[in-house]
Structures are given as C-alpha cells and as structure tokens.
Amino acid sequence: MRNIIPLIFYGNLFYGLCALVLCLDTNLQHHLPANGPHFYFLTFTITVLYYSRIYFKIRVTNTDDKRIVWYSKHQNIILPSLIGLLILVFIDALVVILKFRNSAGNAPFIYWLLIILIPLVGFFYTYKKFPFPQVKQLRAIGWLKPFFIGFAWSGLITVYPVFFRQLQSGIAKQQFILPSGLYWLQNFLFISSLAIVFDIKDHAADLRYGLKTYPALLGVQKTLGMVVLPITFLSLGVLFLYQQQVQLSLTQSIIQTIPYVLLLTIIPFLTQKHSILFYLVFVDGLMLTKGLCGIISIYFF
C-alpha cells in the first residue's frame, strides 16, 4: 500500500481516473450511451502521459516536492512504461481513425475547431513553441494559468465524449449536437477554481521566480476570499441554471452540489501549509467527486 499510493497520485493514474469518470458523467448528463473502450483507453493513457511528461523532465535537486523526488527515484521504471503507453496510444489512435474515418467527415466545422483547439492549449501550456519570442508560454501567464487548465480539462471531459459518441453512432452531419454550453461552463469554472487553489501550494516559489499567480500576487487569504470563493459561487450558479434547464429533480440537484459544498468546506484549511499529496487528494480529488456525484444523480435517481 505504501508504494501503491505514490504510484496512483504521483504517477498521475489518479488524473486518468478523474478524466474517465468525468467523461462518463458527460455522457449520462446528455442522455447518451457510454463510449466504447477505445475512447476510454485513449482518454486515460493520454492524460497520464501528458502529466507524467511534465514531471518526468523536471530535474531539481534539494527539493521538498515529493512528487519530483518520486520521479527522480523511479526514472528507470517510468521511462520504459511511458514509452510503452505511447506506442499503445499510437496503435489505438490509428485503429480509431481507420474505424471512424467515414463518420468523421460528417462532423461540423465547429467540432473540428474545438477538437484541434483544446489539445493546442494543453500543448502550449506546457511547451514554449511559439515562433514569436515575445509570446510567453501559457503557464507563464500566472493570472490566466488556471483558466487555461480549466479550458483544457473542460474541453477534454465535455466536448470529446459527446463528439466521439456521435462518431460511433455514424449519424448524419445535420444530426450532430454540441454539448450543453451551461454544462461546459460550470465544468470550466469549477476546475479553474481548483487550479487556483492548487497554486497556493507553490506561491512562495512563484514569488521567487516572478510567476504572477493569484496567491503570489494577492496572498493566500485574499486569493481564497476574492478569487476562489466568487468563482466557486459563480460555477454553482451556472450549475443551478443547468439543473433548471434539464429539469433535474431536487434529489439529483442536491447530489450534484456536494463537490461545491466540499470545496467550500476545505477552503478555511487552505491557509495552512499542506503536502503535495493533500492537494492531489483533497483538491484535485474534487474532480473525481464531481464526476461520481453526477453519475450517481443521473444513473440511480
């Protein structure tokens, strides 16, 4: 158990699980059947690969970040594992392209625009590959950083499941539907608020390196009171509008508000210093909670 917990959280398997659960929630919210194994395999492995690539390349000595220490200690195992996953992703992606190439031609332009834009934001968030030297890496724009994360995650878990389900169905172009805008917006705001909270962990280092995140600019208490709380309540308001739009029952609505209540509950404890594992479990873990609550509210009620 002592080795499994770091593998799950530091090895980013937990992020892959969050992505799977949130994607399944999206299908249920839109009254669509679950996607096939190709979609969930690619969603899980690409999420794990993306986050693992970020931390695998970091070379820092004398750090207190246990996640970085874990990667440094297990490089000989992690590297071949990532290469193996990458090969499987390419093979499965090729199978998907060949299998659904005909129905993909029916997808409207707006879908293809989103399908391309979402991974581009994720790519330029991590890598500075702009041809213009004056353009910053997206994660270096501290006050927008959490919203880039929210955009990429909300796109992955909201747009892709609906798009892929319709590819599998082989429907005509005029039958394609976009996911609910309100559903996407409340996902975007909720995950963005979690990303801001996660920046609290590194606010001292961000100050040293000049990264102007909200905790570095405002301090922890002002960030929680002036940024996180308003965005959380705004996301909750959008959730209420969505629930009215799709006419959820009172029980379903209450279950879906549980992640917001939990976030508001832990906010007072965030002024204290916590480990990276605390943030992974109790902050990013709210993404998993949100997905599970959504699934339970629709499937069982």
C-alpha atoms as a PDB file:
ATOM      1  CA  MET A   1       0.000   0.000   0.000  1.00  0.00           C
ATOM      2  CA  ARG A   2       2.887   2.350   0.780  1.00  0.00           C
ATOM      3  CA  ASN A   3       4.096   2.013  -2.831  1.00  0.00           C
ATOM      4  CA  ILE A   4       0.676   1.966  -4.476  1.00  0.00           C
ATOM      5  CA  ILE A   5      -0.479   5.362  -3.185  1.00  0.00           C
ATOM      6  CA  PRO A   6       2.518   7.264  -4.678  1.00  0.00           C
ATOM      7  CA  LEU A   7       2.066   5.351  -7.946  1.00  0.00           C
ATOM      8  CA  ILE A   8      -1.602   6.341  -8.148  1.00  0.00           C
ATOM      9  CA  PHE A   9      -1.161  10.017  -7.268  1.00  0.00           C
ATOM     10  CA  TYR A  10       2.428  10.884  -8.219  1.00  0.00           C
ATOM     11  CA  GLY A  11       2.246   8.602 -11.265  1.00  0.00           C
ATOM     12  CA  ASN A  12      -0.873  10.506 -12.430  1.00  0.00           C
ATOM     13  CA  LEU A  13      -3.057   7.416 -12.646  1.00  0.00           C
ATOM     14  CA  PHE A  14      -5.478   9.388 -10.491  1.00  0.00           C
ATOM     15  CA  TYR A  15      -5.727  12.140 -13.116  1.00  0.00           C
ATOM     16  CA  GLY A  16      -6.501   9.488 -15.718  1.00  0.00           C
ATOM     17  CA  LEU A  17      -9.245   8.098 -13.471  1.00  0.00           C
ATOM     18  CA  CYS A  18     -10.691  11.599 -12.969  1.00  0.00           C
ATOM     19  CA  ALA A  19     -10.829  12.091 -16.738  1.00  0.00           C
ATOM     20  CA  LEU A  20     -12.604   8.755 -17.257  1.00  0.00           C
ATOM     21  CA  VAL A  21     -15.247   9.398 -14.600  1.00  0.00           C
ATOM     22  CA  LEU A  22     -15.928  12.961 -15.749  1.00  0.00           C
ATOM     23  CA  CYS A  23     -16.263  11.806 -19.379  1.00  0.00           C
ATOM     24  CA  LEU A  24     -18.758   9.137 -18.358  1.00  0.00           C
ATOM     25  CA  ASP A  25     -20.681  11.759 -16.383  1.00  0.00           C
ATOM     26  CA  THR A  26     -20.886  13.915 -19.524  1.00  0.00           C
ATOM     27  CA  ASN A  27     -22.492  11.104 -21.486  1.00  0.00           C
ATOM     28  CA  LEU A  28     -25.067  10.486 -18.768  1.00  0.00           C
ATOM     29  CA  GLN A  29     -25.846  14.205 -18.445  1.00  0.00           C
ATOM     30  CA  HIS A  30     -26.557  14.324 -22.185  1.00  0.00           C
ATOM     31  CA  HIS A  31     -28.560  11.060 -22.141  1.00  0.00           C
ATOM     32  CA  LEU A  32     -26.008   9.341 -24.357  1.00  0.00           C
ATOM     33  CA  PRO A  33     -24.737   5.766 -24.046  1.00  0.00           C
ATOM     34  CA  ALA A  34     -21.217   5.277 -22.785  1.00  0.00           C
ATOM     35  CA  ASN A  35     -18.404   5.403 -25.321  1.00  0.00           C
ATOM     36  CA  GLY A  36     -16.502   2.323 -26.346  1.00  0.00           C
ATOM     37  CA  PRO A  37     -13.213   1.029 -24.901  1.00  0.00           C
ATOM     38  CA  HIS A  38     -11.124   2.898 -27.487  1.00  0.00           C
ATOM     39  CA  PHE A  39     -12.276   6.263 -26.173  1.00  0.00           C
ATOM     40  CA  TYR A  40     -11.728   5.478 -22.509  1.00  0.00           C
ATOM     41  CA  PHE A  41      -8.340   3.869 -23.132  1.00  0.00           C
ATOM     42  CA  LEU A  42      -7.121   6.887 -25.096  1.00  0.00           C
ATOM     43  CA  THR A  43      -8.558   9.343 -22.564  1.00  0.00           C
ATOM     44  CA  PHE A  44      -6.887   7.596 -19.634  1.00  0.00           C
ATOM     45  CA  THR A  45      -3.493   6.984 -21.227  1.00  0.00           C
ATOM     46  CA  ILE A  46      -3.155  10.407 -22.880  1.00  0.00           C
ATOM     47  CA  THR A  47      -3.983  12.117 -19.567  1.00  0.00           C
ATOM     48  CA  VAL A  48      -1.400  10.004 -17.720  1.00  0.00           C
ATOM     49  CA  LEU A  49       1.210  10.591 -20.435  1.00  0.00           C
ATOM     50  CA  TYR A  50       0.627  14.338 -20.510  1.00  0.00           C
ATOM     51  CA  TYR A  51       1.079  14.870 -16.777  1.00  0.00           C
ATOM     52  CA  SER A  52       3.888  12.326 -16.482  1.00  0.00           C
ATOM     53  CA  ARG A  53       5.821  14.046 -19.268  1.00  0.00           C
ATOM     54  CA  ILE A  54       5.624  17.337 -17.367  1.00  0.00           C
ATOM     55  CA  TYR A  55       7.154  15.969 -14.179  1.00  0.00           C
ATOM     56  CA  PHE A  56       9.459  13.393 -15.735  1.00  0.00           C
ATOM     57  CA  LYS A  57      11.502  16.125 -17.463  1.00  0.00           C
ATOM     58  CA  ILE A  58      11.988  18.178 -14.263  1.00  0.00           C
ATOM     59  CA  ARG A  59      15.484  17.927 -12.853  1.00  0.00           C
ATOM     60  CA  VAL A  60      15.558  19.630  -9.461  1.00  0.00           C
ATOM     61  CA  THR A  61      17.851  18.830  -6.558  1.00  0.00           C
ATOM     62  CA  ASN A  62      17.248  19.596  -2.892  1.00  0.00           C
ATOM     63  CA  THR A  63      13.500  19.858  -3.360  1.00  0.00           C
ATOM     64  CA  ASP A  64      10.753  19.186  -0.837  1.00  0.00           C
ATOM     65  CA  ASP A  65       8.295  18.238  -3.601  1.00  0.00           C
ATOM     66  CA  LYS A  66       7.785  14.521  -3.018  1.00  0.00           C
ATOM     67  CA  ARG A  67       6.313  14.073  -6.496  1.00  0.00           C
ATOM     68  CA  ILE A  68       9.536  15.287  -8.147  1.00  0.00           C
ATOM     69  CA  VAL A  69      11.577  13.132  -5.775  1.00  0.00           C
ATOM     70  CA  TRP A  70       9.426  10.123  -6.694  1.00  0.00           C
ATOM     71  CA  TYR A  71      10.030  10.691 -10.422  1.00  0.00           C
ATOM     72  CA  SER A  72      13.769  11.098  -9.885  1.00  0.00           C
ATOM     73  CA  LYS A  73      13.914   7.888  -7.872  1.00  0.00           C
ATOM     74  CA  HIS A  74      11.934   5.757 -10.348  1.00  0.00           C
ATOM     75  CA  GLN A  75      13.159   7.048 -13.725  1.00  0.00           C
ATOM     76  CA  ASN A  76      14.411   3.616 -14.812  1.00  0.00           C
ATOM     77  CA  ILE A  77      10.897   2.205 -14.447  1.00  0.00           C
ATOM     78  CA  ILE A  78       8.884   5.234 -15.530  1.00  0.00           C
ATOM     79  CA  LEU A  79      10.643   5.865 -18.863  1.00  0.00           C
ATOM     80  CA  PRO A  80      10.003   2.418 -20.443  1.00  0.00           C
ATOM     81  CA  SER A  81       6.462   2.491 -19.041  1.00  0.00           C
ATOM     82  CA  LEU A  82       5.760   5.837 -20.723  1.00  0.00           C
ATOM     83  CA  ILE A  83       7.287   4.652 -23.990  1.00  0.00           C
ATOM     84  CA  GLY A  84       5.125   1.525 -23.877  1.00  0.00           C
ATOM     85  CA  LEU A  85       1.993   3.589 -23.219  1.00  0.00           C
ATOM     86  CA  LEU A  86       2.884   5.970 -26.037  1.00  0.00           C
ATOM     87  CA  ILE A  87       3.212   3.075 -28.503  1.00  0.00           C
ATOM     88  CA  LEU A  88      -0.171   1.705 -27.424  1.00  0.00           C
ATOM     89  CA  VAL A  89      -1.734   5.149 -27.827  1.00  0.00           C
ATOM     90  CA  PHE A  90      -0.440   5.467 -31.405  1.00  0.00           C
ATOM     91  CA  ILE A  91      -1.711   1.991 -32.293  1.00  0.00           C
ATOM     92  CA  ASP A  92      -5.140   2.563 -30.771  1.00  0.00           C
ATOM     93  CA  ALA A  93      -5.428   6.044 -32.289  1.00  0.00           C
ATOM     94  CA  LEU A  94      -4.672   4.550 -35.719  1.00  0.00           C
ATOM     95  CA  VAL A  95      -7.379   1.937 -35.173  1.00  0.00           C
ATOM     96  CA  VAL A  96      -9.871   4.677 -34.229  1.00  0.00           C
ATOM     97  CA  ILE A  97      -9.006   6.773 -37.294  1.00  0.00           C
ATOM     98  CA  LEU A  98      -9.468   3.828 -39.629  1.00  0.00           C
ATOM     99  CA  LYS A  99     -12.642   2.669 -37.908  1.00  0.00           C
ATOM    100  CA  PHE A 100     -14.448   6.012 -37.798  1.00  0.00           C
ATOM    101  CA  ARG A 101     -12.932   7.860 -40.774  1.00  0.00           C
ATOM    102  CA  ASN A 102     -16.192   7.857 -42.715  1.00  0.00           C
ATOM    103  CA  SER A 103     -18.404   9.230 -39.922  1.00  0.00           C
ATOM    104  CA  ALA A 104     -15.706  11.785 -39.001  1.00  0.00           C
ATOM    105  CA  GLY A 105     -16.400  13.515 -42.293  1.00  0.00           C
ATOM    106  CA  ASN A 106     -19.941  14.247 -41.113  1.00  0.00           C
ATOM    107  CA  ALA A 107     -18.783  16.292 -38.102  1.00  0.00           C
ATOM    108  CA  PRO A 108     -19.469  20.052 -38.466  1.00  0.00           C
ATOM    109  CA  PHE A 109     -16.623  22.584 -38.607  1.00  0.00           C
ATOM    110  CA  ILE A 110     -17.211  23.875 -35.048  1.00  0.00           C
ATOM    111  CA  TYR A 111     -16.452  20.408 -33.682  1.00  0.00           C
ATOM    112  CA  TRP A 112     -13.190  20.140 -35.570  1.00  0.00           C
ATOM    113  CA  LEU A 113     -12.237  23.629 -34.405  1.00  0.00           C
ATOM    114  CA  LEU A 114     -12.740  22.601 -30.768  1.00  0.00           C
ATOM    115  CA  ILE A 115     -11.091  19.200 -31.226  1.00  0.00           C
ATOM    116  CA  ILE A 116      -7.949  20.943 -32.505  1.00  0.00           C
ATOM    117  CA  LEU A 117      -8.013  23.960 -30.167  1.00  0.00           C
ATOM    118  CA  ILE A 118      -8.300  22.023 -26.892  1.00  0.00           C
ATOM    119  CA  PRO A 119      -5.064  19.980 -27.243  1.00  0.00           C
ATOM    120  CA  LEU A 120      -3.283  23.030 -28.675  1.00  0.00           C
ATOM    121  CA  VAL A 121      -3.984  24.927 -25.452  1.00  0.00           C
ATOM    122  CA  GLY A 122      -2.668  21.951 -23.470  1.00  0.00           C
ATOM    123  CA  PHE A 123       0.447  21.775 -25.644  1.00  0.00           C
ATOM    124  CA  PHE A 124       1.328  25.465 -25.485  1.00  0.00           C
ATOM    125  CA  TYR A 125       0.565  25.484 -21.764  1.00  0.00           C
ATOM    126  CA  THR A 126       3.458  23.082 -21.235  1.00  0.00           C
ATOM    127  CA  TYR A 127       5.798  23.914 -24.123  1.00  0.00           C
ATOM    128  CA  LYS A 128       7.002  27.230 -25.497  1.00  0.00           C
ATOM    129  CA  LYS A 129       6.994  26.557 -29.226  1.00  0.00           C
ATOM    130  CA  PHE A 130       5.706  29.893 -30.453  1.00  0.00           C
ATOM    131  CA  PRO A 131       7.579  31.389 -33.450  1.00  0.00           C
ATOM    132  CA  PHE A 132       7.405  34.785 -31.726  1.00  0.00           C
ATOM    133  CA  PRO A 133       9.889  35.194 -28.832  1.00  0.00           C
ATOM    134  CA  GLN A 134       7.773  37.900 -27.196  1.00  0.00           C
ATOM    135  CA  VAL A 135       4.877  35.452 -26.729  1.00  0.00           C
ATOM    136  CA  LYS A 136       5.029  33.723 -23.358  1.00  0.00           C
ATOM    137  CA  GLN A 137       4.486  30.075 -22.578  1.00  0.00           C
ATOM    138  CA  LEU A 138       0.845  29.908 -21.478  1.00  0.00           C
ATOM    139  CA  ARG A 139       1.642  28.665 -17.981  1.00  0.00           C
ATOM    140  CA  ALA A 140       3.953  31.668 -17.522  1.00  0.00           C
ATOM    141  CA  ILE A 141       0.930  33.982 -17.675  1.00  0.00           C
ATOM    142  CA  GLY A 142       0.177  33.482 -13.989  1.00  0.00           C
ATOM    143  CA  TRP A 143      -3.229  35.152 -13.746  1.00  0.00           C
ATOM    144  CA  LEU A 144      -4.537  33.209 -16.784  1.00  0.00           C
ATOM    145  CA  LYS A 145      -2.786  29.933 -15.954  1.00  0.00           C
ATOM    146  CA  PRO A 146      -5.694  28.326 -14.030  1.00  0.00           C
ATOM    147  CA  PHE A 147      -8.158  29.254 -16.770  1.00  0.00           C
ATOM    148  CA  PHE A 148      -6.020  27.571 -19.424  1.00  0.00           C
ATOM    149  CA  ILE A 149      -6.118  24.458 -17.250  1.00  0.00           C
ATOM    150  CA  GLY A 150      -9.883  24.805 -16.831  1.00  0.00           C
ATOM    151  CA  PHE A 151     -10.355  25.233 -20.579  1.00  0.00           C
ATOM    152  CA  ALA A 152      -8.272  22.178 -21.492  1.00  0.00           C
ATOM    153  CA  TRP A 153      -9.880  19.939 -18.864  1.00  0.00           C
ATOM    154  CA  SER A 154     -13.455  21.095 -19.523  1.00  0.00           C
ATOM    155  CA  GLY A 155     -12.890  20.570 -23.245  1.00  0.00           C
ATOM    156  CA  LEU A 156     -11.499  17.081 -22.724  1.00  0.00           C
ATOM    157  CA  ILE A 157     -14.319  15.941 -20.443  1.00  0.00           C
ATOM    158  CA  THR A 158     -17.209  17.795 -22.105  1.00  0.00           C
ATOM    159  CA  VAL A 159     -16.581  18.093 -25.847  1.00  0.00           C
ATOM    160  CA  TYR A 160     -14.716  14.889 -26.623  1.00  0.00           C
ATOM    161  CA  PRO A 161     -17.165  12.378 -25.059  1.00  0.00           C
ATOM    162  CA  VAL A 162     -20.156  13.828 -26.934  1.00  0.00           C
ATOM    163  CA  PHE A 163     -18.189  14.101 -30.179  1.00  0.00           C
ATOM    164  CA  PHE A 164     -16.853  10.542 -30.001  1.00  0.00           C
ATOM    165  CA  ARG A 165     -20.246   9.097 -29.110  1.00  0.00           C
ATOM    166  CA  GLN A 166     -21.708  10.615 -32.252  1.00  0.00           C
ATOM    167  CA  LEU A 167     -18.816   9.315 -34.350  1.00  0.00           C
ATOM    168  CA  GLN A 168     -19.577   5.831 -33.050  1.00  0.00           C
ATOM    169  CA  SER A 169     -23.228   6.253 -33.963  1.00  0.00           C
ATOM    170  CA  GLY A 170     -22.369   7.234 -37.543  1.00  0.00           C
ATOM    171  CA  ILE A 171     -25.015   9.959 -37.620  1.00  0.00           C
ATOM    172  CA  ALA A 172     -25.538  12.449 -40.426  1.00  0.00           C
ATOM    173  CA  LYS A 173     -23.946  15.900 -40.339  1.00  0.00           C
ATOM    174  CA  GLN A 174     -27.200  17.716 -39.563  1.00  0.00           C
ATOM    175  CA  GLN A 175     -27.825  15.405 -36.578  1.00  0.00           C
ATOM    176  CA  PHE A 176     -24.611  16.284 -34.726  1.00  0.00           C
ATOM    177  CA  ILE A 177     -25.221  18.120 -31.461  1.00  0.00           C
ATOM    178  CA  LEU A 178     -22.858  20.149 -29.305  1.00  0.00           C
ATOM    179  CA  PRO A 179     -22.638  19.529 -25.542  1.00  0.00           C
ATOM    180  CA  SER A 180     -24.620  21.841 -23.283  1.00  0.00           C
ATOM    181  CA  GLY A 181     -22.963  25.249 -23.009  1.00  0.00           C
ATOM    182  CA  LEU A 182     -24.032  25.595 -19.382  1.00  0.00           C
ATOM    183  CA  TYR A 183     -22.642  22.173 -18.555  1.00  0.00           C
ATOM    184  CA  TRP A 184     -19.308  23.090 -20.154  1.00  0.00           C
ATOM    185  CA  LEU A 185     -19.227  26.454 -18.357  1.00  0.00           C
ATOM    186  CA  GLN A 186     -19.786  25.041 -14.886  1.00  0.00           C
ATOM    187  CA  ASN A 187     -17.045  22.456 -15.523  1.00  0.00           C
ATOM    188  CA  PHE A 188     -14.721  25.210 -16.737  1.00  0.00           C
ATOM    189  CA  LEU A 189     -15.332  27.430 -13.707  1.00  0.00           C
ATOM    190  CA  PHE A 190     -15.155  24.600 -11.167  1.00  0.00           C
ATOM    191  CA  ILE A 191     -11.875  23.172 -12.473  1.00  0.00           C
ATOM    192  CA  SER A 192     -10.405  26.671 -12.850  1.00  0.00           C
ATOM    193  CA  SER A 193     -11.171  27.341  -9.171  1.00  0.00           C
ATOM    194  CA  LEU A 194      -9.387  24.099  -8.224  1.00  0.00           C
ATOM    195  CA  ALA A 195      -6.378  25.152 -10.311  1.00  0.00           C
ATOM    196  CA  ILE A 196      -6.219  28.471  -8.443  1.00  0.00           C
ATOM    197  CA  VAL A 197      -6.365  26.619  -5.121  1.00  0.00           C
ATOM    198  CA  PHE A 198      -3.577  24.299  -6.301  1.00  0.00           C
ATOM    199  CA  ASP A 199      -1.354  27.325  -6.992  1.00  0.00           C
ATOM    200  CA  ILE A 200      -1.393  28.049  -3.250  1.00  0.00           C
ATOM    201  CA  LYS A 201       0.981  25.126  -2.794  1.00  0.00           C
ATOM    202  CA  ASP A 202       3.680  26.850  -4.864  1.00  0.00           C
ATOM    203  CA  HIS A 203       3.008  30.506  -4.071  1.00  0.00           C
ATOM    204  CA  ALA A 204       6.330  31.011  -2.241  1.00  0.00           C
ATOM    205  CA  ALA A 205       8.324  29.577  -5.157  1.00  0.00           C
ATOM    206  CA  ASP A 206       6.227  31.546  -7.653  1.00  0.00           C
ATOM    207  CA  LEU A 207       7.120  34.722  -5.791  1.00  0.00           C
ATOM    208  CA  ARG A 208      10.826  33.891  -6.055  1.00  0.00           C
ATOM    209  CA  TYR A 209      10.631  33.164  -9.781  1.00  0.00           C
ATOM    210  CA  GLY A 210       8.345  36.092 -10.600  1.00  0.00           C
ATOM    211  CA  LEU A 211       5.361  33.984 -11.718  1.00  0.00           C
ATOM    212  CA  LYS A 212       2.362  36.173 -11.003  1.00  0.00           C
ATOM    213  CA  THR A 213      -0.220  33.636  -9.909  1.00  0.00           C
ATOM    214  CA  TYR A 214      -3.123  34.820  -7.772  1.00  0.00           C
ATOM    215  CA  PRO A 215      -1.607  33.529  -4.491  1.00  0.00           C
ATOM    216  CA  ALA A 216       1.714  35.166  -5.369  1.00  0.00           C
ATOM    217  CA  LEU A 217       0.047  38.484  -6.241  1.00  0.00           C
ATOM    218  CA  LEU A 218      -2.648  38.656  -3.570  1.00  0.00           C
ATOM    219  CA  GLY A 219      -1.540  36.292  -0.834  1.00  0.00           C
ATOM    220  CA  VAL A 220      -3.344  33.125   0.186  1.00  0.00           C
ATOM    221  CA  GLN A 221      -6.214  34.637   2.188  1.00  0.00           C
ATOM    222  CA  LYS A 222      -7.125  37.268  -0.405  1.00  0.00           C
ATOM    223  CA  THR A 223      -6.920  34.670  -3.173  1.00  0.00           C
ATOM    224  CA  LEU A 224      -9.372  32.440  -1.345  1.00  0.00           C
ATOM    225  CA  GLY A 225     -11.743  35.272  -0.441  1.00  0.00           C
ATOM    226  CA  MET A 226     -11.531  37.461  -3.542  1.00  0.00           C
ATOM    227  CA  VAL A 227     -10.968  34.909  -6.310  1.00  0.00           C
ATOM    228  CA  VAL A 228     -11.748  31.307  -5.348  1.00  0.00           C
ATOM    229  CA  LEU A 229     -14.994  31.991  -3.489  1.00  0.00           C
ATOM    230  CA  PRO A 230     -16.535  34.205  -6.228  1.00  0.00           C
ATOM    231  CA  ILE A 231     -15.614  31.737  -8.981  1.00  0.00           C
ATOM    232  CA  THR A 232     -16.939  28.819  -6.941  1.00  0.00           C
ATOM    233  CA  PHE A 233     -20.255  30.569  -6.319  1.00  0.00           C
ATOM    234  CA  LEU A 234     -20.434  31.604  -9.979  1.00  0.00           C
ATOM    235  CA  SER A 235     -19.887  27.982 -11.015  1.00  0.00           C
ATOM    236  CA  LEU A 236     -22.557  26.917  -8.535  1.00  0.00           C
ATOM    237  CA  GLY A 237     -24.950  29.473 -10.043  1.00  0.00           C
ATOM    238  CA  VAL A 238     -24.285  28.119 -13.535  1.00  0.00           C
ATOM    239  CA  LEU A 239     -24.909  24.616 -12.182  1.00  0.00           C
ATOM    240  CA  PHE A 240     -28.315  25.723 -10.862  1.00  0.00           C
ATOM    241  CA  LEU A 241     -29.167  27.204 -14.271  1.00  0.00           C
ATOM    242  CA  TYR A 242     -28.134  23.956 -15.948  1.00  0.00           C
ATOM    243  CA  GLN A 243     -30.214  21.911 -13.500  1.00  0.00           C
ATOM    244  CA  GLN A 244     -33.257  24.044 -14.265  1.00  0.00           C
ATOM    245  CA  GLN A 245     -32.626  23.800 -17.983  1.00  0.00           C
ATOM    246  CA  VAL A 246     -32.586  19.986 -17.963  1.00  0.00           C
ATOM    247  CA  GLN A 247     -35.234  19.782 -15.202  1.00  0.00           C
ATOM    248  CA  LEU A 248     -33.385  17.693 -12.657  1.00  0.00           C
ATOM    249  CA  SER A 249     -35.196  16.563  -9.541  1.00  0.00           C
ATOM    250  CA  LEU A 250     -34.443  18.047  -6.132  1.00  0.00           C
ATOM    251  CA  THR A 251     -32.531  14.914  -5.097  1.00  0.00           C
ATOM    252  CA  GLN A 252     -30.409  14.982  -8.258  1.00  0.00           C
ATOM    253  CA  SER A 253     -29.695  18.675  -7.791  1.00  0.00           C
ATOM    254  CA  ILE A 254     -28.603  18.241  -4.172  1.00  0.00           C
ATOM    255  CA  ILE A 255     -26.263  15.348  -5.031  1.00  0.00           C
ATOM    256  CA  GLN A 256     -24.598  17.422  -7.754  1.00  0.00           C
ATOM    257  CA  THR A 257     -23.894  20.274  -5.322  1.00  0.00           C
ATOM    258  CA  ILE A 258     -21.867  18.014  -2.978  1.00  0.00           C
ATOM    259  CA  PRO A 259     -18.462  18.786  -4.620  1.00  0.00           C
ATOM    260  CA  TYR A 260     -19.115  22.517  -4.219  1.00  0.00           C
ATOM    261  CA  VAL A 261     -20.002  22.091  -0.563  1.00  0.00           C
ATOM    262  CA  LEU A 262     -16.815  20.074  -0.036  1.00  0.00           C
ATOM    263  CA  LEU A 263     -14.723  22.752  -1.759  1.00  0.00           C
ATOM    264  CA  LEU A 264     -16.250  25.466   0.425  1.00  0.00           C
ATOM    265  CA  THR A 265     -15.601  23.243   3.456  1.00  0.00           C
ATOM    266  CA  ILE A 266     -11.879  22.820   2.839  1.00  0.00           C
ATOM    267  CA  ILE A 267     -11.222  26.484   1.957  1.00  0.00           C
ATOM    268  CA  PRO A 268     -10.674  27.536   5.634  1.00  0.00           C
ATOM    269  CA  PHE A 269      -7.947  24.873   5.947  1.00  0.00           C
ATOM    270  CA  LEU A 270      -6.035  26.091   2.903  1.00  0.00           C
ATOM    271  CA  THR A 271      -4.363  28.950   4.769  1.00  0.00           C
ATOM    272  CA  GLN A 272      -2.180  26.307   6.439  1.00  0.00           C
ATOM    273  CA  LYS A 273       0.760  24.588   4.746  1.00  0.00           C
ATOM    274  CA  HIS A 274      -0.032  21.164   3.325  1.00  0.00           C
ATOM    275  CA  SER A 275       1.841  18.472   1.403  1.00  0.00           C
ATOM    276  CA  ILE A 276       1.510  17.847  -2.333  1.00  0.00           C
ATOM    277  CA  LEU A 277      -0.448  14.681  -1.511  1.00  0.00           C
ATOM    278  CA  PHE A 278      -3.043  16.768   0.372  1.00  0.00           C
ATOM    279  CA  TYR A 279      -3.661  18.884  -2.723  1.00  0.00           C
ATOM    280  CA  LEU A 280      -3.812  15.862  -5.012  1.00  0.00           C
ATOM    281  CA  VAL A 281      -6.291  14.004  -2.800  1.00  0.00           C
ATOM    282  CA  PHE A 282      -8.468  16.750  -1.331  1.00  0.00           C
ATOM    283  CA  VAL A 283      -8.309  19.440  -4.041  1.00  0.00           C
ATOM    284  CA  ASP A 284      -7.896  17.676  -7.379  1.00  0.00           C
ATOM    285  CA  GLY A 285      -9.842  14.797  -5.854  1.00  0.00           C
ATOM    286  CA  LEU A 286     -12.912  17.030  -6.066  1.00  0.00           C
ATOM    287  CA  MET A 287     -12.880  16.466  -9.831  1.00  0.00           C
ATOM    288  CA  LEU A 288     -13.414  12.765  -9.195  1.00  0.00           C
ATOM    289  CA  THR A 289     -16.072  13.596  -6.601  1.00  0.00           C
ATOM    290  CA  LYS A 290     -17.854  15.834  -9.091  1.00  0.00           C
ATOM    291  CA  GLY A 291     -17.897  13.128 -11.722  1.00  0.00           C
ATOM    292  CA  LEU A 292     -19.104  10.461  -9.284  1.00  0.00           C
ATOM    293  CA  CYS A 293     -21.855  12.707  -7.903  1.00  0.00           C
ATOM    294  CA  GLY A 294     -23.015  13.484 -11.440  1.00  0.00           C
ATOM    295  CA  ILE A 295     -23.109   9.796 -12.352  1.00  0.00           C
ATOM    296  CA  ILE A 296     -24.946   8.806  -9.161  1.00  0.00           C
ATOM    297  CA  SER A 297     -27.505  11.602  -9.565  1.00  0.00           C
ATOM    298  CA  ILE A 298     -28.445  10.541 -13.102  1.00  0.00           C
ATOM    299  CA  TYR A 299     -27.966   6.771 -13.014  1.00  0.00           C
ATOM    300  CA  PHE A 300     -29.529   5.981  -9.641  1.00  0.00           C
ATOM    301  CA  PHE A 301     -32.125   8.756  -9.388  1.00  0.00           C
END
